[in-house]
Amino acid sequence: MAKIIRLIPVNTVDARLADRLAVCIEERFLTGVRIERSLALPRTALNATRNQLFAPTLYARIIKGFPGQEGLALAVTEYDCYKTSQRYLFADADANAGTGVVALHRLRPEFYGEEPDANLLFQRVLKESVYALGRAMGLRSCHSPRCAMHATSSVFETDSKSPNLCEACLGRISRARQ
């Protein structure tokens, strides 16, 4: 288990959201969270055809921008992200690199034509952050639809799950710490 989790804002991320997220992640994983300096990522890093960021590109930029850093890294970005097997993603991770990403773009209520709602956005970001960090630790997706490790393909599924890990997933993390 990581001794520290590094929260890395990509470009500009609301500082209040990052601060609140850091506290909630510390509570869930019982480890320190350090908010790092922002990782500057120009729009030219996006796939020009899709206007999206390829998640593995972000992982590589994190490794290059923060070489030799300890612990897990969680990037939070406003960019819409994707990977080869998914047209879009809310959260993803590379367990080999110990790096995860949460993409705020499709978690925002405004994306679905709704009024902005900072609390709803935060709840979604927290749930997907727990998922990304679990994946970065090597956990697989959980079959329990209430567990934060349950993979979601719609924001409605994200809204339905808990921001906490189920007992089985907590046990897997506890065993990994030993």
C-alpha atoms as a PDB file:
ATOM      1  CA  MET A   1       0.000   0.000   0.000  1.00  0.00           C
ATOM      2  CA  ALA A   2       1.208   3.488  -0.800  1.00  0.00           C
ATOM      3  CA  LYS A   3       2.564   5.597   2.018  1.00  0.00           C
ATOM      4  CA  ILE A   4       1.216   8.674   0.292  1.00  0.00           C
ATOM      5  CA  ILE A   5      -1.225   9.540  -2.444  1.00  0.00           C
ATOM      6  CA  ARG A   6      -0.259  12.451  -4.653  1.00  0.00           C
ATOM      7  CA  LEU A   7      -3.184  14.468  -6.002  1.00  0.00           C
ATOM      8  CA  ILE A   8      -2.128  16.167  -9.224  1.00  0.00           C
ATOM      9  CA  PRO A   9      -4.336  18.871 -10.719  1.00  0.00           C
ATOM     10  CA  VAL A  10      -3.985  19.045 -14.497  1.00  0.00           C
ATOM     11  CA  ASN A  11      -3.917  22.686 -15.572  1.00  0.00           C
ATOM     12  CA  THR A  12      -6.558  24.470 -13.502  1.00  0.00           C
ATOM     13  CA  VAL A  13      -8.749  22.524 -11.081  1.00  0.00           C
ATOM     14  CA  ASP A  14     -10.837  24.232  -8.398  1.00  0.00           C
ATOM     15  CA  ALA A  15      -8.616  24.387  -5.295  1.00  0.00           C
ATOM     16  CA  ARG A  16     -11.604  23.893  -2.962  1.00  0.00           C
ATOM     17  CA  LEU A  17     -12.534  20.696  -4.806  1.00  0.00           C
ATOM     18  CA  ALA A  18      -8.928  19.443  -4.571  1.00  0.00           C
ATOM     19  CA  ASP A  19      -8.669  20.273  -0.852  1.00  0.00           C
ATOM     20  CA  ARG A  20     -11.980  18.594  -0.038  1.00  0.00           C
ATOM     21  CA  LEU A  21     -11.088  15.587  -2.183  1.00  0.00           C
ATOM     22  CA  ALA A  22      -7.732  15.183  -0.418  1.00  0.00           C
ATOM     23  CA  VAL A  23      -9.412  15.024   3.006  1.00  0.00           C
ATOM     24  CA  CYS A  24     -11.986  12.458   1.848  1.00  0.00           C
ATOM     25  CA  ILE A  25      -9.351  10.277   0.181  1.00  0.00           C
ATOM     26  CA  GLU A  26      -7.260  10.322   3.386  1.00  0.00           C
ATOM     27  CA  GLU A  27     -10.317   9.119   5.324  1.00  0.00           C
ATOM     28  CA  ARG A  28     -11.016   6.266   2.934  1.00  0.00           C
ATOM     29  CA  PHE A  29      -7.482   4.971   2.411  1.00  0.00           C
ATOM     30  CA  LEU A  30      -6.002   5.900   5.813  1.00  0.00           C
ATOM     31  CA  THR A  31      -2.927   7.381   4.188  1.00  0.00           C
ATOM     32  CA  GLY A  32      -1.631  10.892   3.634  1.00  0.00           C
ATOM     33  CA  VAL A  33      -2.587  12.876   0.557  1.00  0.00           C
ATOM     34  CA  ARG A  34      -0.335  15.582  -0.835  1.00  0.00           C
ATOM     35  CA  ILE A  35      -1.652  18.045  -3.397  1.00  0.00           C
ATOM     36  CA  GLU A  36       1.123  18.532  -5.937  1.00  0.00           C
ATOM     37  CA  ARG A  37       1.827  21.473  -8.187  1.00  0.00           C
ATOM     38  CA  SER A  38      -0.348  21.611 -11.250  1.00  0.00           C
ATOM     39  CA  LEU A  39       0.728  19.635 -14.297  1.00  0.00           C
ATOM     40  CA  ALA A  40       0.581  21.922 -17.335  1.00  0.00           C
ATOM     41  CA  LEU A  41      -0.907  20.098 -20.288  1.00  0.00           C
ATOM     42  CA  PRO A  42      -1.555  22.101 -23.462  1.00  0.00           C
ATOM     43  CA  ARG A  43      -4.600  21.555 -25.663  1.00  0.00           C
ATOM     44  CA  THR A  44      -2.195  20.239 -28.304  1.00  0.00           C
ATOM     45  CA  ALA A  45      -1.919  17.081 -26.166  1.00  0.00           C
ATOM     46  CA  LEU A  46      -5.520  16.266 -27.122  1.00  0.00           C
ATOM     47  CA  ASN A  47      -6.416  14.003 -30.003  1.00  0.00           C
ATOM     48  CA  ALA A  48      -7.324  16.635 -32.610  1.00  0.00           C
ATOM     49  CA  THR A  49     -10.036  14.506 -34.225  1.00  0.00           C
ATOM     50  CA  ARG A  50     -11.755  13.499 -30.984  1.00  0.00           C
ATOM     51  CA  ASN A  51     -10.935  16.617 -28.944  1.00  0.00           C
ATOM     52  CA  GLN A  52     -10.185  14.223 -26.077  1.00  0.00           C
ATOM     53  CA  LEU A  53      -7.121  13.308 -24.036  1.00  0.00           C
ATOM     54  CA  PHE A  54      -5.792   9.758 -24.411  1.00  0.00           C
ATOM     55  CA  ALA A  55      -5.435   8.539 -20.795  1.00  0.00           C
ATOM     56  CA  PRO A  56      -2.092   6.718 -21.354  1.00  0.00           C
ATOM     57  CA  THR A  57      -0.658  10.013 -22.644  1.00  0.00           C
ATOM     58  CA  LEU A  58      -1.576  11.598 -19.318  1.00  0.00           C
ATOM     59  CA  TYR A  59       0.051   8.729 -17.365  1.00  0.00           C
ATOM     60  CA  ALA A  60       3.264   9.230 -19.339  1.00  0.00           C
ATOM     61  CA  ARG A  61       3.189  12.990 -18.696  1.00  0.00           C
ATOM     62  CA  ILE A  62       2.741  12.385 -14.961  1.00  0.00           C
ATOM     63  CA  ILE A  63       5.706  10.014 -14.843  1.00  0.00           C
ATOM     64  CA  LYS A  64       7.815  12.494 -16.825  1.00  0.00           C
ATOM     65  CA  GLY A  65       6.647  15.523 -14.814  1.00  0.00           C
ATOM     66  CA  PHE A  66       7.076  13.875 -11.409  1.00  0.00           C
ATOM     67  CA  PRO A  67      10.011  11.447 -11.838  1.00  0.00           C
ATOM     68  CA  GLY A  68      10.991   9.164  -8.997  1.00  0.00           C
ATOM     69  CA  GLN A  69       8.070  10.163  -6.797  1.00  0.00           C
ATOM     70  CA  GLU A  70       6.827   7.793  -4.129  1.00  0.00           C
ATOM     71  CA  GLY A  71       3.283   6.550  -3.664  1.00  0.00           C
ATOM     72  CA  LEU A  72       0.283   6.617  -5.939  1.00  0.00           C
ATOM     73  CA  ALA A  73      -0.617   9.502  -8.224  1.00  0.00           C
ATOM     74  CA  LEU A  74      -4.157  10.649  -8.976  1.00  0.00           C
ATOM     75  CA  ALA A  75      -4.545  13.236 -11.723  1.00  0.00           C
ATOM     76  CA  VAL A  76      -7.709  15.324 -11.840  1.00  0.00           C
ATOM     77  CA  THR A  77      -8.439  16.984 -15.170  1.00  0.00           C
ATOM     78  CA  GLU A  78     -11.134  19.039 -16.843  1.00  0.00           C
ATOM     79  CA  TYR A  79     -10.331  17.319 -20.152  1.00  0.00           C
ATOM     80  CA  ASP A  80     -12.606  14.662 -21.610  1.00  0.00           C
ATOM     81  CA  CYS A  81     -10.551  11.444 -21.577  1.00  0.00           C
ATOM     82  CA  TYR A  82     -10.643   8.141 -23.432  1.00  0.00           C
ATOM     83  CA  LYS A  83      -8.596   5.022 -23.959  1.00  0.00           C
ATOM     84  CA  THR A  84      -8.421   2.501 -26.773  1.00  0.00           C
ATOM     85  CA  SER A  85     -11.188   0.288 -25.381  1.00  0.00           C
ATOM     86  CA  GLN A  86     -13.521   3.113 -24.276  1.00  0.00           C
ATOM     87  CA  ARG A  87     -15.001   6.108 -26.114  1.00  0.00           C
ATOM     88  CA  TYR A  88     -14.842   8.067 -22.861  1.00  0.00           C
ATOM     89  CA  LEU A  89     -14.070   7.459 -19.233  1.00  0.00           C
ATOM     90  CA  PHE A  90     -14.869   8.993 -15.887  1.00  0.00           C
ATOM     91  CA  ALA A  91     -11.852   7.400 -14.201  1.00  0.00           C
ATOM     92  CA  ASP A  92      -9.093   4.994 -15.092  1.00  0.00           C
ATOM     93  CA  ALA A  93      -5.729   3.806 -13.798  1.00  0.00           C
ATOM     94  CA  ASP A  94      -2.472   2.163 -14.740  1.00  0.00           C
ATOM     95  CA  ALA A  95      -1.632  -0.209 -11.877  1.00  0.00           C
ATOM     96  CA  ASN A  96       1.898  -0.782 -13.204  1.00  0.00           C
ATOM     97  CA  ALA A  97       2.631   2.948 -12.940  1.00  0.00           C
ATOM     98  CA  GLY A  98       0.539   3.444  -9.775  1.00  0.00           C
ATOM     99  CA  THR A  99      -1.254   6.276 -11.539  1.00  0.00           C
ATOM    100  CA  GLY A 100      -4.936   7.094 -11.936  1.00  0.00           C
ATOM    101  CA  VAL A 101      -6.998   9.802 -13.575  1.00  0.00           C
ATOM    102  CA  VAL A 102     -10.410  11.328 -12.956  1.00  0.00           C
ATOM    103  CA  ALA A 103     -11.920  13.321 -15.823  1.00  0.00           C
ATOM    104  CA  LEU A 104     -14.358  15.991 -14.641  1.00  0.00           C
ATOM    105  CA  HIS A 105     -15.778  16.748 -18.093  1.00  0.00           C
ATOM    106  CA  ARG A 106     -18.587  14.156 -18.126  1.00  0.00           C
ATOM    107  CA  LEU A 107     -19.082  14.206 -14.353  1.00  0.00           C
ATOM    108  CA  ARG A 108     -20.383  17.775 -14.458  1.00  0.00           C
ATOM    109  CA  PRO A 109     -24.198  18.069 -14.365  1.00  0.00           C
ATOM    110  CA  GLU A 110     -23.945  20.757 -17.064  1.00  0.00           C
ATOM    111  CA  PHE A 111     -22.714  18.123 -19.526  1.00  0.00           C
ATOM    112  CA  TYR A 112     -26.187  16.572 -19.289  1.00  0.00           C
ATOM    113  CA  GLY A 113     -28.060  19.865 -19.621  1.00  0.00           C
ATOM    114  CA  GLU A 114     -28.607  20.278 -15.878  1.00  0.00           C
ATOM    115  CA  GLU A 115     -27.823  23.231 -13.637  1.00  0.00           C
ATOM    116  CA  PRO A 116     -24.326  23.349 -12.126  1.00  0.00           C
ATOM    117  CA  ASP A 117     -24.258  21.573  -8.756  1.00  0.00           C
ATOM    118  CA  ALA A 118     -20.933  21.676  -6.897  1.00  0.00           C
ATOM    119  CA  ASN A 119     -21.993  19.067  -4.330  1.00  0.00           C
ATOM    120  CA  LEU A 120     -23.194  16.570  -6.958  1.00  0.00           C
ATOM    121  CA  LEU A 121     -19.983  17.108  -8.922  1.00  0.00           C
ATOM    122  CA  PHE A 122     -17.920  16.510  -5.782  1.00  0.00           C
ATOM    123  CA  GLN A 123     -19.778  13.284  -4.935  1.00  0.00           C
ATOM    124  CA  ARG A 124     -19.164  11.983  -8.457  1.00  0.00           C
ATOM    125  CA  VAL A 125     -15.499  12.986  -8.365  1.00  0.00           C
ATOM    126  CA  LEU A 126     -15.010  11.316  -4.975  1.00  0.00           C
ATOM    127  CA  LYS A 127     -16.596   8.044  -6.116  1.00  0.00           C
ATOM    128  CA  GLU A 128     -14.547   7.945  -9.298  1.00  0.00           C
ATOM    129  CA  SER A 129     -11.362   8.927  -7.406  1.00  0.00           C
ATOM    130  CA  VAL A 130     -11.804   5.987  -5.037  1.00  0.00           C
ATOM    131  CA  TYR A 131     -12.336   3.767  -8.091  1.00  0.00           C
ATOM    132  CA  ALA A 132      -9.212   5.099  -9.866  1.00  0.00           C
ATOM    133  CA  LEU A 133      -7.038   4.721  -6.763  1.00  0.00           C
ATOM    134  CA  GLY A 134      -8.335   1.200  -6.170  1.00  0.00           C
ATOM    135  CA  ARG A 135      -7.415   0.310  -9.742  1.00  0.00           C
ATOM    136  CA  ALA A 136      -3.996   1.951  -9.320  1.00  0.00           C
ATOM    137  CA  MET A 137      -3.502  -0.341  -6.298  1.00  0.00           C
ATOM    138  CA  GLY A 138      -4.335  -3.343  -8.441  1.00  0.00           C
ATOM    139  CA  LEU A 139      -7.949  -3.930  -7.399  1.00  0.00           C
ATOM    140  CA  ARG A 140     -10.309  -5.226 -10.033  1.00  0.00           C
ATOM    141  CA  SER A 141     -13.777  -3.886 -10.641  1.00  0.00           C
ATOM    142  CA  CYS A 142     -16.290  -5.097  -8.070  1.00  0.00           C
ATOM    143  CA  HIS A 143     -19.577  -6.830  -8.892  1.00  0.00           C
ATOM    144  CA  SER A 144     -21.411  -5.064  -6.077  1.00  0.00           C
ATOM    145  CA  PRO A 145     -23.233  -2.089  -7.656  1.00  0.00           C
ATOM    146  CA  ARG A 146     -22.976  -0.088  -4.400  1.00  0.00           C
ATOM    147  CA  CYS A 147     -19.193  -0.454  -4.063  1.00  0.00           C
ATOM    148  CA  ALA A 148     -16.990   2.431  -5.237  1.00  0.00           C
ATOM    149  CA  MET A 149     -14.986  -0.192  -7.172  1.00  0.00           C
ATOM    150  CA  HIS A 150     -18.004  -1.013  -9.334  1.00  0.00           C
ATOM    151  CA  ALA A 151     -17.205   0.000 -12.918  1.00  0.00           C
ATOM    152  CA  THR A 152     -19.732   2.444 -14.332  1.00  0.00           C
ATOM    153  CA  SER A 153     -20.520   3.348 -17.911  1.00  0.00           C
ATOM    154  CA  SER A 154     -23.035   6.094 -17.156  1.00  0.00           C
ATOM    155  CA  VAL A 155     -23.131   8.945 -14.707  1.00  0.00           C
ATOM    156  CA  PHE A 156     -26.412   7.543 -13.386  1.00  0.00           C
ATOM    157  CA  GLU A 157     -24.572   4.398 -12.296  1.00  0.00           C
ATOM    158  CA  THR A 158     -21.942   6.591 -10.642  1.00  0.00           C
ATOM    159  CA  ASP A 159     -24.691   8.430  -8.772  1.00  0.00           C
ATOM    160  CA  SER A 160     -26.079   5.084  -7.525  1.00  0.00           C
ATOM    161  CA  LYS A 161     -22.876   3.732  -6.029  1.00  0.00           C
ATOM    162  CA  SER A 162     -21.332   4.560  -2.678  1.00  0.00           C
ATOM    163  CA  PRO A 163     -18.148   6.595  -2.235  1.00  0.00           C
ATOM    164  CA  ASN A 164     -16.855   3.743  -0.065  1.00  0.00           C
ATOM    165  CA  LEU A 165     -15.383   0.327  -0.718  1.00  0.00           C
ATOM    166  CA  CYS A 166     -17.392  -2.777   0.147  1.00  0.00           C
ATOM    167  CA  GLU A 167     -16.108  -5.211   2.793  1.00  0.00           C
ATOM    168  CA  ALA A 168     -14.576  -7.517   0.173  1.00  0.00           C
ATOM    169  CA  CYS A 169     -12.606  -4.693  -1.472  1.00  0.00           C
ATOM    170  CA  LEU A 170     -11.519  -3.316   1.919  1.00  0.00           C
ATOM    171  CA  GLY A 171     -10.241  -6.807   2.745  1.00  0.00           C
ATOM    172  CA  ARG A 172      -8.242  -6.938  -0.488  1.00  0.00           C
ATOM    173  CA  ILE A 173      -6.597  -3.613   0.322  1.00  0.00           C
ATOM    174  CA  SER A 174      -5.868  -4.705   3.906  1.00  0.00           C
ATOM    175  CA  ARG A 175      -4.207  -7.886   2.643  1.00  0.00           C
ATOM    176  CA  ALA A 176      -2.158  -5.849   0.166  1.00  0.00           C
ATOM    177  CA  ARG A 177      -0.882  -3.629   3.011  1.00  0.00           C
ATOM    178  CA  GLN A 178       0.537  -6.624   4.907  1.00  0.00           C
END
